[in-house]
């Protein structure tokens, strides 16, 4: 993960424009992670290329979702402590609000 984005102290999310985005499952081995990232990138290219073909676009979007679920970025959470998922929530509306408010701003 690039350090261009703030990462929550528990390493579950990174923050883009004040919104939490779930990170990939850190338990994935490098080979699996690399394969899934390649699948995700191919699926994103397929979305771009299928803009005028509704059926192809739907299939490509499904492949994007499948890859993101496999990476742990969507679907069931990859942590097992019972903590709630705040994926796509504004940081200010989550338990991470105080942490985020204390970060230095560029």
N, C-alpha and C. Protein backbone atom coordinates (compact mmCIF):
# COMPACT_ATOMS: atom_id res chain seq x y z
N UNK A 1 0.85 -1.18 0.00
CA UNK A 1 0.00 0.00 0.00
C UNK A 1 0.89 1.23 0.00
N UNK A 2 0.62 2.13 -0.86
CA UNK A 2 1.34 3.40 -0.95
C UNK A 2 1.09 4.23 0.30
N UNK A 3 2.09 4.92 0.75
CA UNK A 3 1.93 5.81 1.91
C UNK A 3 1.34 7.16 1.49
N UNK A 4 0.86 7.28 0.26
CA UNK A 4 0.23 8.51 -0.20
C UNK A 4 -1.10 8.74 0.53
N UNK A 5 -1.67 7.68 1.08
CA UNK A 5 -2.94 7.77 1.79
C UNK A 5 -2.73 7.36 3.24
N UNK A 6 -3.45 8.05 4.14
CA UNK A 6 -3.38 7.68 5.55
C UNK A 6 -3.99 6.30 5.73
N UNK A 7 -3.37 5.53 6.58
CA UNK A 7 -3.84 4.18 6.89
C UNK A 7 -4.27 4.17 8.35
N UNK A 8 -5.43 3.58 8.63
CA UNK A 8 -5.92 3.56 10.01
C UNK A 8 -4.94 2.79 10.89
N UNK A 9 -4.93 3.10 12.19
CA UNK A 9 -3.99 2.44 13.09
C UNK A 9 -4.10 0.92 13.10
N UNK A 10 -5.29 0.38 12.83
CA UNK A 10 -5.47 -1.06 12.81
C UNK A 10 -5.19 -1.66 11.43
N UNK A 11 -4.80 -0.82 10.46
CA UNK A 11 -4.44 -1.23 9.10
C UNK A 11 -5.59 -1.88 8.33
N UNK A 12 -6.81 -1.60 8.71
CA UNK A 12 -7.97 -2.16 8.00
C UNK A 12 -8.40 -1.29 6.83
N UNK A 13 -8.13 0.01 6.91
CA UNK A 13 -8.61 0.96 5.91
C UNK A 13 -7.51 1.94 5.53
N UNK A 14 -7.69 2.56 4.37
CA UNK A 14 -6.94 3.75 4.03
C UNK A 14 -7.97 4.83 3.72
N UNK A 15 -7.54 6.08 3.75
CA UNK A 15 -8.47 7.20 3.64
C UNK A 15 -8.19 7.98 2.36
N UNK A 16 -9.24 8.20 1.58
CA UNK A 16 -9.15 9.03 0.38
C UNK A 16 -10.27 10.06 0.47
N UNK A 17 -9.88 11.34 0.45
CA UNK A 17 -10.84 12.45 0.53
C UNK A 17 -11.86 12.26 1.65
N UNK A 18 -11.36 11.86 2.82
CA UNK A 18 -12.20 11.74 4.00
C UNK A 18 -13.06 10.50 4.07
N UNK A 19 -12.85 9.55 3.18
CA UNK A 19 -13.65 8.34 3.15
C UNK A 19 -12.76 7.12 3.38
N UNK A 20 -13.27 6.16 4.17
CA UNK A 20 -12.54 4.92 4.45
C UNK A 20 -12.73 3.92 3.32
N UNK A 21 -11.65 3.29 2.93
CA UNK A 21 -11.69 2.22 1.92
C UNK A 21 -10.96 1.02 2.50
N UNK A 22 -11.63 -0.13 2.48
CA UNK A 22 -11.05 -1.33 3.07
C UNK A 22 -9.82 -1.78 2.31
N UNK A 23 -8.78 -2.13 3.05
CA UNK A 23 -7.55 -2.64 2.44
C UNK A 23 -7.72 -4.12 2.11
N UNK A 24 -6.85 -4.60 1.29
CA UNK A 24 -6.83 -6.03 0.97
C UNK A 24 -6.45 -6.82 2.21
N UNK A 25 -6.83 -8.06 2.21
CA UNK A 25 -6.53 -8.96 3.31
C UNK A 25 -5.02 -9.17 3.42
N UNK A 26 -4.40 -8.78 4.52
CA UNK A 26 -2.95 -8.94 4.64
C UNK A 26 -2.51 -10.39 4.78
N UNK A 27 -3.45 -11.29 5.02
CA UNK A 27 -3.09 -12.71 5.15
C UNK A 27 -2.90 -13.39 3.79
N UNK A 28 -3.26 -12.70 2.70
CA UNK A 28 -3.05 -13.29 1.38
C UNK A 28 -1.55 -13.37 1.09
N UNK A 29 -1.12 -14.50 0.56
CA UNK A 29 0.29 -14.60 0.19
C UNK A 29 0.54 -13.77 -1.07
N UNK A 30 1.80 -13.45 -1.32
CA UNK A 30 2.15 -12.56 -2.44
C UNK A 30 1.71 -13.11 -3.78
N UNK A 31 1.83 -14.41 -3.99
CA UNK A 31 1.44 -15.00 -5.27
C UNK A 31 -0.06 -14.83 -5.50
N UNK A 32 -0.85 -15.13 -4.49
CA UNK A 32 -2.30 -14.99 -4.61
C UNK A 32 -2.69 -13.54 -4.80
N UNK A 33 -2.10 -12.66 -3.99
CA UNK A 33 -2.42 -11.23 -4.10
C UNK A 33 -2.09 -10.71 -5.50
N UNK A 34 -0.92 -11.05 -6.00
CA UNK A 34 -0.52 -10.58 -7.35
C UNK A 34 -1.46 -11.10 -8.42
N UNK A 35 -1.87 -12.36 -8.31
CA UNK A 35 -2.80 -12.93 -9.29
C UNK A 35 -4.13 -12.20 -9.24
N UNK A 36 -4.63 -11.96 -8.04
CA UNK A 36 -5.92 -11.28 -7.90
C UNK A 36 -5.85 -9.83 -8.37
N UNK A 37 -4.75 -9.16 -8.11
CA UNK A 37 -4.60 -7.78 -8.59
C UNK A 37 -4.57 -7.76 -10.12
N UNK A 38 -3.90 -8.71 -10.73
CA UNK A 38 -3.88 -8.79 -12.20
C UNK A 38 -5.29 -9.04 -12.73
N UNK A 39 -6.04 -9.91 -12.06
CA UNK A 39 -7.43 -10.15 -12.47
C UNK A 39 -8.26 -8.87 -12.33
N UNK A 40 -8.05 -8.15 -11.25
CA UNK A 40 -8.78 -6.90 -11.03
C UNK A 40 -8.46 -5.89 -12.12
N UNK A 41 -7.19 -5.73 -12.44
CA UNK A 41 -6.80 -4.75 -13.47
C UNK A 41 -7.36 -5.15 -14.84
N UNK A 42 -7.34 -6.43 -15.15
CA UNK A 42 -7.91 -6.90 -16.42
C UNK A 42 -9.41 -6.63 -16.46
N UNK A 43 -10.08 -6.85 -15.34
CA UNK A 43 -11.52 -6.61 -15.27
C UNK A 43 -11.82 -5.12 -15.42
N UNK A 44 -11.00 -4.27 -14.82
CA UNK A 44 -11.20 -2.83 -14.96
C UNK A 44 -11.00 -2.38 -16.40
N UNK A 45 -10.02 -2.97 -17.08
CA UNK A 45 -9.83 -2.64 -18.50
C UNK A 45 -11.04 -3.11 -19.31
N UNK A 46 -11.59 -4.27 -18.94
CA UNK A 46 -12.77 -4.78 -19.64
C UNK A 46 -13.96 -3.85 -19.43
N UNK A 47 -14.10 -3.27 -18.24
CA UNK A 47 -15.16 -2.29 -17.99
C UNK A 47 -14.97 -1.10 -18.91
N UNK A 48 -13.76 -0.60 -18.97
CA UNK A 48 -13.47 0.55 -19.84
C UNK A 48 -13.80 0.25 -21.30
N UNK A 49 -13.45 -0.95 -21.75
CA UNK A 49 -13.62 -1.30 -23.16
C UNK A 49 -15.06 -1.69 -23.52
N UNK A 50 -15.90 -1.95 -22.53
CA UNK A 50 -17.25 -2.44 -22.80
C UNK A 50 -18.32 -1.37 -22.61
N UNK A 51 -17.95 -0.14 -22.57
CA UNK A 51 -18.89 0.95 -22.26
C UNK A 51 -20.16 0.93 -23.11
N UNK A 52 -20.08 0.57 -24.37
CA UNK A 52 -21.26 0.61 -25.25
C UNK A 52 -21.94 -0.75 -25.41
N UNK A 53 -21.52 -1.72 -24.63
CA UNK A 53 -22.09 -3.07 -24.71
C UNK A 53 -22.61 -3.46 -23.33
N UNK A 54 -23.90 -3.28 -23.09
CA UNK A 54 -24.45 -3.50 -21.74
C UNK A 54 -24.15 -4.88 -21.16
N UNK A 55 -24.25 -5.92 -21.95
CA UNK A 55 -24.01 -7.27 -21.42
C UNK A 55 -22.54 -7.46 -21.05
N UNK A 56 -21.65 -7.01 -21.92
CA UNK A 56 -20.21 -7.11 -21.65
C UNK A 56 -19.84 -6.25 -20.44
N UNK A 57 -20.47 -5.09 -20.33
CA UNK A 57 -20.20 -4.21 -19.20
C UNK A 57 -20.63 -4.86 -17.90
N UNK A 58 -21.78 -5.48 -17.89
CA UNK A 58 -22.27 -6.16 -16.68
C UNK A 58 -21.33 -7.29 -16.29
N UNK A 59 -20.86 -8.06 -17.26
CA UNK A 59 -19.93 -9.16 -16.97
C UNK A 59 -18.61 -8.62 -16.43
N UNK A 60 -18.12 -7.55 -17.02
CA UNK A 60 -16.85 -6.97 -16.57
C UNK A 60 -16.98 -6.42 -15.15
N UNK A 61 -18.08 -5.76 -14.86
CA UNK A 61 -18.29 -5.24 -13.51
C UNK A 61 -18.38 -6.37 -12.49
N UNK A 62 -19.00 -7.47 -12.88
CA UNK A 62 -19.06 -8.64 -11.98
C UNK A 62 -17.66 -9.17 -11.71
N UNK A 63 -16.81 -9.17 -12.72
CA UNK A 63 -15.43 -9.64 -12.52
C UNK A 63 -14.65 -8.70 -11.61
N UNK A 64 -14.90 -7.40 -11.73
CA UNK A 64 -14.27 -6.44 -10.81
C UNK A 64 -14.71 -6.76 -9.38
N UNK A 65 -16.01 -6.93 -9.19
CA UNK A 65 -16.53 -7.21 -7.85
C UNK A 65 -15.96 -8.52 -7.32
N UNK A 66 -15.94 -9.56 -8.15
CA UNK A 66 -15.40 -10.85 -7.72
C UNK A 66 -13.94 -10.72 -7.26
N UNK A 67 -13.14 -9.99 -8.01
CA UNK A 67 -11.73 -9.81 -7.65
C UNK A 67 -11.62 -9.04 -6.33
N UNK A 68 -12.43 -8.00 -6.17
CA UNK A 68 -12.36 -7.20 -4.94
C UNK A 68 -12.82 -8.02 -3.73
N UNK A 69 -13.82 -8.86 -3.91
CA UNK A 69 -14.24 -9.75 -2.82
C UNK A 69 -13.12 -10.72 -2.48
N UNK A 70 -12.48 -11.29 -3.49
CA UNK A 70 -11.39 -12.24 -3.26
C UNK A 70 -10.21 -11.58 -2.55
N UNK A 71 -9.97 -10.31 -2.87
CA UNK A 71 -8.89 -9.57 -2.20
C UNK A 71 -9.27 -9.16 -0.78
N UNK A 72 -10.54 -9.22 -0.45
CA UNK A 72 -11.00 -8.82 0.88
C UNK A 72 -11.42 -7.38 0.97
N UNK A 73 -11.46 -6.68 -0.16
CA UNK A 73 -11.82 -5.27 -0.17
C UNK A 73 -13.33 -5.05 -0.13
N UNK A 74 -14.08 -6.08 -0.45
CA UNK A 74 -15.55 -6.06 -0.39
C UNK A 74 -15.99 -7.39 0.19
N UNK A 75 -17.28 -7.49 0.44
CA UNK A 75 -17.82 -8.75 0.96
C UNK A 75 -17.50 -8.92 2.43
N UNK A 76 -17.44 -10.16 2.89
CA UNK A 76 -17.16 -10.41 4.31
C UNK A 76 -15.80 -9.82 4.71
N UNK A 77 -15.74 -9.30 5.92
CA UNK A 77 -14.49 -8.72 6.38
C UNK A 77 -13.45 -9.80 6.61
N UNK A 78 -12.18 -9.43 6.53
CA UNK A 78 -11.11 -10.41 6.71
C UNK A 78 -10.62 -10.48 8.15
N UNK A 79 -11.06 -9.56 9.01
CA UNK A 79 -10.67 -9.64 10.41
C UNK A 79 -11.69 -10.47 11.16
N UNK A 80 -11.28 -10.98 12.32
CA UNK A 80 -12.15 -11.93 13.02
C UNK A 80 -12.46 -11.52 14.46
N UNK A 81 -12.34 -10.23 14.77
CA UNK A 81 -12.62 -9.79 16.14
C UNK A 81 -14.04 -9.26 16.31
N UNK A 82 -14.86 -9.38 15.27
CA UNK A 82 -16.25 -8.95 15.36
C UNK A 82 -16.47 -7.47 15.14
N UNK A 83 -15.40 -6.72 14.85
CA UNK A 83 -15.54 -5.28 14.64
C UNK A 83 -16.36 -5.00 13.38
N UNK A 84 -17.16 -3.96 13.46
CA UNK A 84 -18.02 -3.54 12.35
C UNK A 84 -17.19 -3.07 11.16
N UNK A 85 -17.75 -3.21 9.99
CA UNK A 85 -17.11 -2.75 8.75
C UNK A 85 -17.55 -1.32 8.46
N UNK A 86 -16.57 -0.43 8.24
CA UNK A 86 -16.86 0.95 7.90
C UNK A 86 -16.41 1.29 6.48
N UNK A 87 -16.30 0.30 5.63
CA UNK A 87 -15.89 0.52 4.25
C UNK A 87 -16.82 1.55 3.59
N UNK A 88 -16.21 2.54 2.94
CA UNK A 88 -16.88 3.60 2.20
C UNK A 88 -17.58 4.64 3.07
N UNK A 89 -17.44 4.54 4.38
CA UNK A 89 -18.03 5.54 5.27
C UNK A 89 -17.11 6.76 5.36
N UNK A 90 -17.71 7.92 5.60
CA UNK A 90 -16.91 9.10 5.90
C UNK A 90 -16.24 8.88 7.25
N UNK A 91 -14.96 9.19 7.32
CA UNK A 91 -14.21 8.96 8.55
C UNK A 91 -14.86 9.68 9.72
N UNK A 92 -15.36 10.88 9.50
CA UNK A 92 -15.92 11.68 10.59
C UNK A 92 -17.14 11.02 11.23
N UNK A 93 -17.73 10.04 10.56
CA UNK A 93 -18.90 9.34 11.09
C UNK A 93 -18.57 7.96 11.65
N UNK A 94 -17.31 7.73 11.97
CA UNK A 94 -16.86 6.42 12.43
C UNK A 94 -16.02 6.57 13.70
N UNK A 95 -15.69 5.46 14.33
CA UNK A 95 -14.81 5.52 15.51
C UNK A 95 -13.39 6.03 15.17
N UNK A 96 -13.06 6.16 13.91
CA UNK A 96 -11.74 6.67 13.50
C UNK A 96 -11.70 8.20 13.43
N UNK A 97 -12.79 8.86 13.74
CA UNK A 97 -12.89 10.32 13.58
C UNK A 97 -11.81 11.07 14.37
N UNK A 98 -11.62 10.74 15.63
CA UNK A 98 -10.63 11.45 16.44
C UNK A 98 -9.22 11.20 15.91
N UNK A 99 -8.93 9.97 15.54
CA UNK A 99 -7.61 9.66 14.96
C UNK A 99 -7.38 10.51 13.72
N UNK A 100 -8.37 10.56 12.84
CA UNK A 100 -8.22 11.29 11.58
C UNK A 100 -8.08 12.79 11.83
N UNK A 101 -8.87 13.30 12.77
CA UNK A 101 -8.81 14.73 13.08
C UNK A 101 -7.44 15.14 13.59
N UNK A 102 -6.73 14.22 14.21
CA UNK A 102 -5.41 14.50 14.74
C UNK A 102 -4.27 14.39 13.76
N UNK A 103 -4.56 13.98 12.53
CA UNK A 103 -3.50 13.84 11.54
C UNK A 103 -3.07 15.21 11.01
N UNK A 104 -1.79 15.39 10.73
CA UNK A 104 -1.35 16.65 10.13
C UNK A 104 -1.90 16.77 8.71
N UNK A 105 -2.30 17.94 8.32
CA UNK A 105 -2.84 18.19 6.98
C UNK A 105 -1.75 18.78 6.11
N UNK A 106 -1.78 18.38 4.84
CA UNK A 106 -0.77 18.88 3.89
C UNK A 106 -1.11 20.28 3.43
